Amino acid sequence: IGKALHSINDKKSPAGAEQVFGRYSDLVRRIGDR
C-alpha cells in the first residue's frame, strides 16, 4: 500500500487493489461469509 501511495505521489502508475490485497482473496473466498 505504501509503495502504491508513493507511486501516485510521484505521478507513476500504482498497483491495483487486486494485486495489493492478493493475500486475502483466497481466504475470504473460502471463509464464504457474506
ModelCIF file with pLDDT and N, C-alpha, C, O atoms, coordinates in Angstrom:
data_MODEL
#
_entry.id   MODEL 
#
_entity.id                         1 
_entity.type                       polymer 
_entity.pdbx_number_of_molecules   1 
#
_entity_poly.entity_id                      1 
_entity_poly.type                           'polypeptide(L)' 
_entity_poly.nstd_linkage                   no 
_entity_poly.nstd_monomer                   no 
_entity_poly.pdbx_seq_one_letter_code       IGKALHSINDKKSPAGAEQVFGRYSDLVRRIGDR 
_entity_poly.pdbx_seq_one_letter_code_can   IGKALHSINDKKSPAGAEQVFGRYSDLVRRIGDR 
_entity_poly.pdbx_strand_id                 A 
#
loop_
_entity_poly_seq.entity_id 
_entity_poly_seq.num 
_entity_poly_seq.mon_id 
_entity_poly_seq.hetero 
1 1  ILE n 
1 2  GLY n 
1 3  LYS n 
1 4  ALA n 
1 5  LEU n 
1 6  HIS n 
1 7  SER n 
1 8  ILE n 
1 9  ASN n 
1 10 ASP n 
1 11 LYS n 
1 12 LYS n 
1 13 SER n 
1 14 PRO n 
1 15 ALA n 
1 16 GLY n 
1 17 ALA n 
1 18 GLU n 
1 19 GLN n 
1 20 VAL n 
1 21 PHE n 
1 22 GLY n 
1 23 ARG n 
1 24 TYR n 
1 25 SER n 
1 26 ASP n 
1 27 LEU n 
1 28 VAL n 
1 29 ARG n 
1 30 ARG n 
1 31 ILE n 
1 32 GLY n 
1 33 ASP n 
1 34 ARG n 
#
_struct_asym.id          A 
_struct_asym.entity_id   1 
#
loop_
_ma_qa_metric.id 
_ma_qa_metric.mode 
_ma_qa_metric.name 
_ma_qa_metric.software_group_id 
_ma_qa_metric.type 
1 global pLDDT . pLDDT 
2 local  pLDDT . pLDDT 
#
_ma_qa_metric_global.metric_id      1 
_ma_qa_metric_global.metric_value   84.09 
_ma_qa_metric_global.model_id       1 
_ma_qa_metric_global.ordinal_id     1 
#
loop_
_ma_qa_metric_local.label_asym_id 
_ma_qa_metric_local.label_comp_id 
_ma_qa_metric_local.label_seq_id 
_ma_qa_metric_local.metric_id 
_ma_qa_metric_local.metric_value 
_ma_qa_metric_local.model_id 
_ma_qa_metric_local.ordinal_id 
A ILE 1  2 89.00 1 1  
A GLY 2  2 87.00 1 2  
A LYS 3  2 86.00 1 3  
A ALA 4  2 85.00 1 4  
A LEU 5  2 83.00 1 5  
A HIS 6  2 81.00 1 6  
A SER 7  2 81.00 1 7  
A ILE 8  2 76.00 1 8  
A ASN 9  2 64.00 1 9  
A ASP 10 2 66.00 1 10 
A LYS 11 2 65.00 1 11 
A LYS 12 2 67.00 1 12 
A SER 13 2 65.00 1 13 
A PRO 14 2 66.00 1 14 
A ALA 15 2 69.00 1 15 
A GLY 16 2 78.00 1 16 
A ALA 17 2 85.00 1 17 
A GLU 18 2 83.00 1 18 
A GLN 19 2 84.00 1 19 
A VAL 20 2 88.00 1 20 
A PHE 21 2 91.00 1 21 
A GLY 22 2 88.00 1 22 
A ARG 23 2 90.00 1 23 
A TYR 24 2 94.00 1 24 
A SER 25 2 91.00 1 25 
A ASP 26 2 93.00 1 26 
A LEU 27 2 96.00 1 27 
A VAL 28 2 96.00 1 28 
A ARG 29 2 95.00 1 29 
A ARG 30 2 96.00 1 30 
A ILE 31 2 97.00 1 31 
A GLY 32 2 95.00 1 32 
A ASP 33 2 95.00 1 33 
A ARG 34 2 94.00 1 34 
#
loop_
_atom_site.group_PDB 
_atom_site.id 
_atom_site.type_symbol 
_atom_site.label_atom_id 
_atom_site.label_alt_id 
_atom_site.label_comp_id 
_atom_site.label_asym_id 
_atom_site.label_entity_id 
_atom_site.label_seq_id 
_atom_site.pdbx_PDB_ins_code 
_atom_site.Cartn_x 
_atom_site.Cartn_y 
_atom_site.Cartn_z 
_atom_site.occupancy 
_atom_site.B_iso_or_equiv 
_atom_site.pdbx_formal_charge 
_atom_site.auth_seq_id 
_atom_site.auth_comp_id 
_atom_site.auth_asym_id 
_atom_site.auth_atom_id 
_atom_site.pdbx_PDB_model_num 
ATOM 1   N N  . ILE A 1 1  ? 0.845   -1.200  0.000   1.00 89.00 ? 1  ILE A N  1 
ATOM 2   C CA . ILE A 1 1  ? 0.000   0.000   0.000   1.00 89.00 ? 1  ILE A CA 1 
ATOM 3   C C  . ILE A 1 1  ? 0.878   1.246   0.000   1.00 89.00 ? 1  ILE A C  1 
ATOM 4   O O  . ILE A 1 1  ? 0.622   2.195   -0.741  1.00 89.00 ? 1  ILE A O  1 
ATOM 5   N N  . GLY A 1 2  ? 1.924   1.235   0.845   1.00 87.00 ? 2  GLY A N  1 
ATOM 6   C CA . GLY A 1 2  ? 2.827   2.380   0.913   1.00 87.00 ? 2  GLY A CA 1 
ATOM 7   C C  . GLY A 1 2  ? 3.508   2.659   -0.418  1.00 87.00 ? 2  GLY A C  1 
ATOM 8   O O  . GLY A 1 2  ? 3.639   3.815   -0.822  1.00 87.00 ? 2  GLY A O  1 
ATOM 9   N N  . LYS A 1 3  ? 3.940   1.606   -1.097  1.00 86.00 ? 3  LYS A N  1 
ATOM 10  C CA . LYS A 1 3  ? 4.594   1.780   -2.404  1.00 86.00 ? 3  LYS A CA 1 
ATOM 11  C C  . LYS A 1 3  ? 3.610   2.332   -3.430  1.00 86.00 ? 3  LYS A C  1 
ATOM 12  O O  . LYS A 1 3  ? 3.965   3.167   -4.261  1.00 86.00 ? 3  LYS A O  1 
ATOM 13  N N  . ALA A 1 4  ? 2.358   1.850   -3.359  1.00 85.00 ? 4  ALA A N  1 
ATOM 14  C CA . ALA A 1 4  ? 1.346   2.344   -4.291  1.00 85.00 ? 4  ALA A CA 1 
ATOM 15  C C  . ALA A 1 4  ? 1.079   3.825   -4.060  1.00 85.00 ? 4  ALA A C  1 
ATOM 16  O O  . ALA A 1 4  ? 0.927   4.591   -5.011  1.00 85.00 ? 4  ALA A O  1 
ATOM 17  N N  . LEU A 1 5  ? 1.021   4.226   -2.785  1.00 83.00 ? 5  LEU A N  1 
ATOM 18  C CA . LEU A 1 5  ? 0.793   5.642   -2.468  1.00 83.00 ? 5  LEU A CA 1 
ATOM 19  C C  . LEU A 1 5  ? 1.972   6.503   -2.917  1.00 83.00 ? 5  LEU A C  1 
ATOM 20  O O  . LEU A 1 5  ? 1.780   7.612   -3.416  1.00 83.00 ? 5  LEU A O  1 
ATOM 21  N N  . HIS A 1 6  ? 3.191   5.993   -2.739  1.00 81.00 ? 6  HIS A N  1 
ATOM 22  C CA . HIS A 1 6  ? 4.367   6.734   -3.197  1.00 81.00 ? 6  HIS A CA 1 
ATOM 23  C C  . HIS A 1 6  ? 4.344   6.893   -4.707  1.00 81.00 ? 6  HIS A C  1 
ATOM 24  O O  . HIS A 1 6  ? 4.742   7.929   -5.239  1.00 81.00 ? 6  HIS A O  1 
ATOM 25  N N  . SER A 1 7  ? 3.871   5.856   -5.393  1.00 81.00 ? 7  SER A N  1 
ATOM 26  C CA . SER A 1 7  ? 3.879   5.913   -6.857  1.00 81.00 ? 7  SER A CA 1 
ATOM 27  C C  . SER A 1 7  ? 2.930   6.987   -7.377  1.00 81.00 ? 7  SER A C  1 
ATOM 28  O O  . SER A 1 7  ? 3.244   7.666   -8.354  1.00 81.00 ? 7  SER A O  1 
ATOM 29  N N  . ILE A 1 8  ? 1.757   7.151   -6.727  1.00 76.00 ? 8  ILE A N  1 
ATOM 30  C CA . ILE A 1 8  ? 0.855   8.195   -7.222  1.00 76.00 ? 8  ILE A CA 1 
ATOM 31  C C  . ILE A 1 8  ? 1.378   9.576   -6.851  1.00 76.00 ? 8  ILE A C  1 
ATOM 32  O O  . ILE A 1 8  ? 1.166   10.537  -7.590  1.00 76.00 ? 8  ILE A O  1 
ATOM 33  N N  . ASN A 1 9  ? 2.061   9.685   -5.711  1.00 64.00 ? 9  ASN A N  1 
ATOM 34  C CA . ASN A 1 9  ? 2.648   10.964  -5.341  1.00 64.00 ? 9  ASN A CA 1 
ATOM 35  C C  . ASN A 1 9  ? 3.800   11.336  -6.286  1.00 64.00 ? 9  ASN A C  1 
ATOM 36  O O  . ASN A 1 9  ? 4.098   12.512  -6.494  1.00 64.00 ? 9  ASN A O  1 
ATOM 37  N N  . ASP A 1 10 ? 4.439   10.299  -6.854  1.00 66.00 ? 10 ASP A N  1 
ATOM 38  C CA . ASP A 1 10 ? 5.493   10.531  -7.848  1.00 66.00 ? 10 ASP A CA 1 
ATOM 39  C C  . ASP A 1 10 ? 4.932   10.542  -9.267  1.00 66.00 ? 10 ASP A C  1 
ATOM 40  O O  . ASP A 1 10 ? 5.674   10.593  -10.247 1.00 66.00 ? 10 ASP A O  1 
ATOM 41  N N  . LYS A 1 11 ? 3.583   10.494  -9.352  1.00 65.00 ? 11 LYS A N  1 
ATOM 42  C CA . LYS A 1 11 ? 2.875   10.545  -10.632 1.00 65.00 ? 11 LYS A CA 1 
ATOM 43  C C  . LYS A 1 11 ? 3.237   9.367   -11.537 1.00 65.00 ? 11 LYS A C  1 
ATOM 44  O O  . LYS A 1 11 ? 3.418   9.513   -12.746 1.00 65.00 ? 11 LYS A O  1 
ATOM 45  N N  . LYS A 1 12 ? 3.336   8.174   -10.895 1.00 67.00 ? 12 LYS A N  1 
ATOM 46  C CA . LYS A 1 12 ? 3.566   6.935   -11.631 1.00 67.00 ? 12 LYS A CA 1 
ATOM 47  C C  . LYS A 1 12 ? 2.307   6.081   -11.528 1.00 67.00 ? 12 LYS A C  1 
ATOM 48  O O  . LYS A 1 12 ? 1.428   6.364   -10.713 1.00 67.00 ? 12 LYS A O  1 
ATOM 49  N N  . SER A 1 13 ? 2.217   5.042   -12.348 1.00 65.00 ? 13 SER A N  1 
ATOM 50  C CA . SER A 1 13 ? 1.045   4.167   -12.325 1.00 65.00 ? 13 SER A CA 1 
ATOM 51  C C  . SER A 1 13 ? 1.121   3.253   -11.109 1.00 65.00 ? 13 SER A C  1 
ATOM 52  O O  . SER A 1 13 ? 2.071   2.481   -10.981 1.00 65.00 ? 13 SER A O  1 
ATOM 53  N N  . PRO A 1 14 ? 0.133   3.327   -10.210 1.00 66.00 ? 14 PRO A N  1 
ATOM 54  C CA . PRO A 1 14 ? 0.166   2.500   -8.988  1.00 66.00 ? 14 PRO A CA 1 
ATOM 55  C C  . PRO A 1 14 ? -0.349  1.084   -9.239  1.00 66.00 ? 14 PRO A C  1 
ATOM 56  O O  . PRO A 1 14 ? -0.992  0.807   -10.251 1.00 66.00 ? 14 PRO A O  1 
ATOM 57  N N  . ALA A 1 15 ? -0.052  0.204   -8.295  1.00 69.00 ? 15 ALA A N  1 
ATOM 58  C CA . ALA A 1 15 ? -0.596  -1.156  -8.355  1.00 69.00 ? 15 ALA A CA 1 
ATOM 59  C C  . ALA A 1 15 ? -2.093  -1.118  -8.074  1.00 69.00 ? 15 ALA A C  1 
ATOM 60  O O  . ALA A 1 15 ? -2.579  -0.220  -7.386  1.00 69.00 ? 15 ALA A O  1 
ATOM 61  N N  . GLY A 1 16 ? -2.823  -2.095  -8.610  1.00 78.00 ? 16 GLY A N  1 
ATOM 62  C CA . GLY A 1 16 ? -4.260  -2.170  -8.378  1.00 78.00 ? 16 GLY A CA 1 
ATOM 63  C C  . GLY A 1 16 ? -4.585  -2.893  -7.089  1.00 78.00 ? 16 GLY A C  1 
ATOM 64  O O  . GLY A 1 16 ? -3.725  -3.548  -6.499  1.00 78.00 ? 16 GLY A O  1 
ATOM 65  N N  . ALA A 1 17 ? -5.842  -2.772  -6.649  1.00 85.00 ? 17 ALA A N  1 
ATOM 66  C CA . ALA A 1 17 ? -6.265  -3.367  -5.383  1.00 85.00 ? 17 ALA A CA 1 
ATOM 67  C C  . ALA A 1 17 ? -6.100  -4.878  -5.376  1.00 85.00 ? 17 ALA A C  1 
ATOM 68  O O  . ALA A 1 17 ? -5.700  -5.449  -4.361  1.00 85.00 ? 17 ALA A O  1 
ATOM 69  N N  . GLU A 1 18 ? -6.401  -5.533  -6.489  1.00 83.00 ? 18 GLU A N  1 
ATOM 70  C CA . GLU A 1 18 ? -6.302  -6.990  -6.531  1.00 83.00 ? 18 GLU A CA 1 
ATOM 71  C C  . GLU A 1 18 ? -4.870  -7.449  -6.301  1.00 83.00 ? 18 GLU A C  1 
ATOM 72  O O  . GLU A 1 18 ? -4.639  -8.485  -5.677  1.00 83.00 ? 18 GLU A O  1 
ATOM 73  N N  . GLN A 1 19 ? -3.913  -6.687  -6.801  1.00 84.00 ? 19 GLN A N  1 
ATOM 74  C CA . GLN A 1 19 ? -2.511  -7.028  -6.602  1.00 84.00 ? 19 GLN A CA 1 
ATOM 75  C C  . GLN A 1 19 ? -2.086  -6.761  -5.156  1.00 84.00 ? 19 GLN A C  1 
ATOM 76  O O  . GLN A 1 19 ? -1.414  -7.589  -4.541  1.00 84.00 ? 19 GLN A O  1 
ATOM 77  N N  . VAL A 1 20 ? -2.472  -5.624  -4.625  1.00 88.00 ? 20 VAL A N  1 
ATOM 78  C CA . VAL A 1 20 ? -2.056  -5.231  -3.279  1.00 88.00 ? 20 VAL A CA 1 
ATOM 79  C C  . VAL A 1 20 ? -2.661  -6.150  -2.214  1.00 88.00 ? 20 VAL A C  1 
ATOM 80  O O  . VAL A 1 20 ? -1.983  -6.519  -1.256  1.00 88.00 ? 20 VAL A O  1 
ATOM 81  N N  . PHE A 1 21 ? -3.940  -6.520  -2.381  1.00 91.00 ? 21 PHE A N  1 
ATOM 82  C CA . PHE A 1 21 ? -4.625  -7.333  -1.375  1.00 91.00 ? 21 PHE A CA 1 
ATOM 83  C C  . PHE A 1 21 ? -4.758  -8.791  -1.804  1.00 91.00 ? 21 PHE A C  1 
ATOM 84  O O  . PHE A 1 21 ? -5.666  -9.500  -1.370  1.00 91.00 ? 21 PHE A O  1 
ATOM 85  N N  . GLY A 1 22 ? -3.849  -9.221  -2.655  1.00 88.00 ? 22 GLY A N  1 
ATOM 86  C CA . GLY A 1 22 ? -3.920  -10.581 -3.184  1.00 88.00 ? 22 GLY A CA 1 
ATOM 87  C C  . GLY A 1 22 ? -3.886  -11.671 -2.129  1.00 88.00 ? 22 GLY A C  1 
ATOM 88  O O  . GLY A 1 22 ? -4.484  -12.729 -2.319  1.00 88.00 ? 22 GLY A O  1 
ATOM 89  N N  . ARG A 1 23 ? -3.192  -11.433 -1.012  1.00 90.00 ? 23 ARG A N  1 
ATOM 90  C CA . ARG A 1 23 ? -3.094  -12.451 0.044   1.00 90.00 ? 23 ARG A CA 1 
ATOM 91  C C  . ARG A 1 23 ? -4.454  -12.777 0.663   1.00 90.00 ? 23 ARG A C  1 
ATOM 92  O O  . ARG A 1 23 ? -4.638  -13.853 1.230   1.00 90.00 ? 23 ARG A O  1 
ATOM 93  N N  . TYR A 1 24 ? -5.397  -11.852 0.553   1.00 94.00 ? 24 TYR A N  1 
ATOM 94  C CA . TYR A 1 24 ? -6.691  -12.042 1.205   1.00 94.00 ? 24 TYR A CA 1 
ATOM 95  C C  . TYR A 1 24 ? -7.703  -12.796 0.339   1.00 94.00 ? 24 TYR A C  1 
ATOM 96  O O  . TYR A 1 24 ? -8.637  -13.404 0.863   1.00 94.00 ? 24 TYR A O  1 
ATOM 97  N N  . SER A 1 25 ? -7.523  -12.759 -0.968  1.00 91.00 ? 25 SER A N  1 
ATOM 98  C CA . SER A 1 25 ? -8.563  -13.219 -1.892  1.00 91.00 ? 25 SER A CA 1 
ATOM 99  C C  . SER A 1 25 ? -9.036  -14.641 -1.607  1.00 91.00 ? 25 SER A C  1 
ATOM 100 O O  . SER A 1 25 ? -10.232 -14.879 -1.441  1.00 91.00 ? 25 SER A O  1 
ATOM 101 N N  . ASP A 1 26 ? -8.098  -15.583 -1.551  1.00 93.00 ? 26 ASP A N  1 
ATOM 102 C CA . ASP A 1 26 ? -8.474  -16.981 -1.364  1.00 93.00 ? 26 ASP A CA 1 
ATOM 103 C C  . ASP A 1 26 ? -9.067  -17.223 0.014   1.00 93.00 ? 26 ASP A C  1 
ATOM 104 O O  . ASP A 1 26 ? -10.028 -17.980 0.147   1.00 93.00 ? 26 ASP A O  1 
ATOM 105 N N  . LEU A 1 27 ? -8.506  -16.590 1.044   1.00 96.00 ? 27 LEU A N  1 
ATOM 106 C CA . LEU A 1 27 ? -9.013  -16.786 2.403   1.00 96.00 ? 27 LEU A CA 1 
ATOM 107 C C  . LEU A 1 27 ? -10.443 -16.266 2.535   1.00 96.00 ? 27 LEU A C  1 
ATOM 108 O O  . LEU A 1 27 ? -11.299 -16.937 3.112   1.00 96.00 ? 27 LEU A O  1 
ATOM 109 N N  . VAL A 1 28 ? -10.700 -15.082 2.004   1.00 96.00 ? 28 VAL A N  1 
ATOM 110 C CA . VAL A 1 28 ? -12.045 -14.511 2.073   1.00 96.00 ? 28 VAL A CA 1 
ATOM 111 C C  . VAL A 1 28 ? -13.027 -15.393 1.316   1.00 96.00 ? 28 VAL A C  1 
ATOM 112 O O  . VAL A 1 28 ? -14.142 -15.629 1.783   1.00 96.00 ? 28 VAL A O  1 
ATOM 113 N N  . ARG A 1 29 ? -12.620 -15.877 0.159   1.00 95.00 ? 29 ARG A N  1 
ATOM 114 C CA . ARG A 1 29 ? -13.499 -16.744 -0.644  1.00 95.00 ? 29 ARG A CA 1 
ATOM 115 C C  . ARG A 1 29 ? -13.813 -18.041 0.095   1.00 95.00 ? 29 ARG A C  1 
ATOM 116 O O  . ARG A 1 29 ? -14.957 -18.493 0.092   1.00 95.00 ? 29 ARG A O  1 
ATOM 117 N N  . ARG A 1 30 ? -12.813 -18.637 0.725   1.00 96.00 ? 30 ARG A N  1 
ATOM 118 C CA . ARG A 1 30 ? -13.020 -19.916 1.403   1.00 96.00 ? 30 ARG A CA 1 
ATOM 119 C C  . ARG A 1 30 ? -13.814 -19.767 2.702   1.00 96.00 ? 30 ARG A C  1 
ATOM 120 O O  . ARG A 1 30 ? -14.550 -20.677 3.084   1.00 96.00 ? 30 ARG A O  1 
ATOM 121 N N  . ILE A 1 31 ? -13.670 -18.647 3.371   1.00 97.00 ? 31 ILE A N  1 
ATOM 122 C CA . ILE A 1 31 ? -14.488 -18.415 4.569   1.00 97.00 ? 31 ILE A CA 1 
ATOM 123 C C  . ILE A 1 31 ? -15.951 -18.283 4.170   1.00 97.00 ? 31 ILE A C  1 
ATOM 124 O O  . ILE A 1 31 ? -16.834 -18.805 4.851   1.00 97.00 ? 31 ILE A O  1 
ATOM 125 N N  . GLY A 1 32 ? -16.206 -17.587 3.071   1.00 95.00 ? 32 GLY A N  1 
ATOM 126 C CA . GLY A 1 32 ? -17.554 -17.544 2.492   1.00 95.00 ? 32 GLY A CA 1 
ATOM 127 C C  . GLY A 1 32 ? -18.580 -16.785 3.313   1.00 95.00 ? 32 GLY A C  1 
ATOM 128 O O  . GLY A 1 32 ? -19.772 -17.079 3.233   1.00 95.00 ? 32 GLY A O  1 
ATOM 129 N N  . ASP A 1 33 ? -18.143 -15.823 4.092   1.00 95.00 ? 33 ASP A N  1 
ATOM 130 C CA . ASP A 1 33 ? -19.069 -15.032 4.897   1.00 95.00 ? 33 ASP A CA 1 
ATOM 131 C C  . ASP A 1 33 ? -19.533 -13.819 4.090   1.00 95.00 ? 33 ASP A C  1 
ATOM 132 O O  . ASP A 1 33 ? -18.719 -13.082 3.535   1.00 95.00 ? 33 ASP A O  1 
ATOM 133 N N  . ARG A 1 34 ? -20.843 -13.625 4.035   1.00 94.00 ? 34 ARG A N  1 
ATOM 134 C CA . ARG A 1 34 ? -21.386 -12.550 3.204   1.00 94.00 ? 34 ARG A CA 1 
ATOM 135 C C  . ARG A 1 34 ? -20.932 -11.169 3.666   1.00 94.00 ? 34 ARG A C  1 
ATOM 136 O O  . ARG A 1 34 ? -21.307 -10.162 3.065   1.00 94.00 ? 34 ARG A O  1 
#
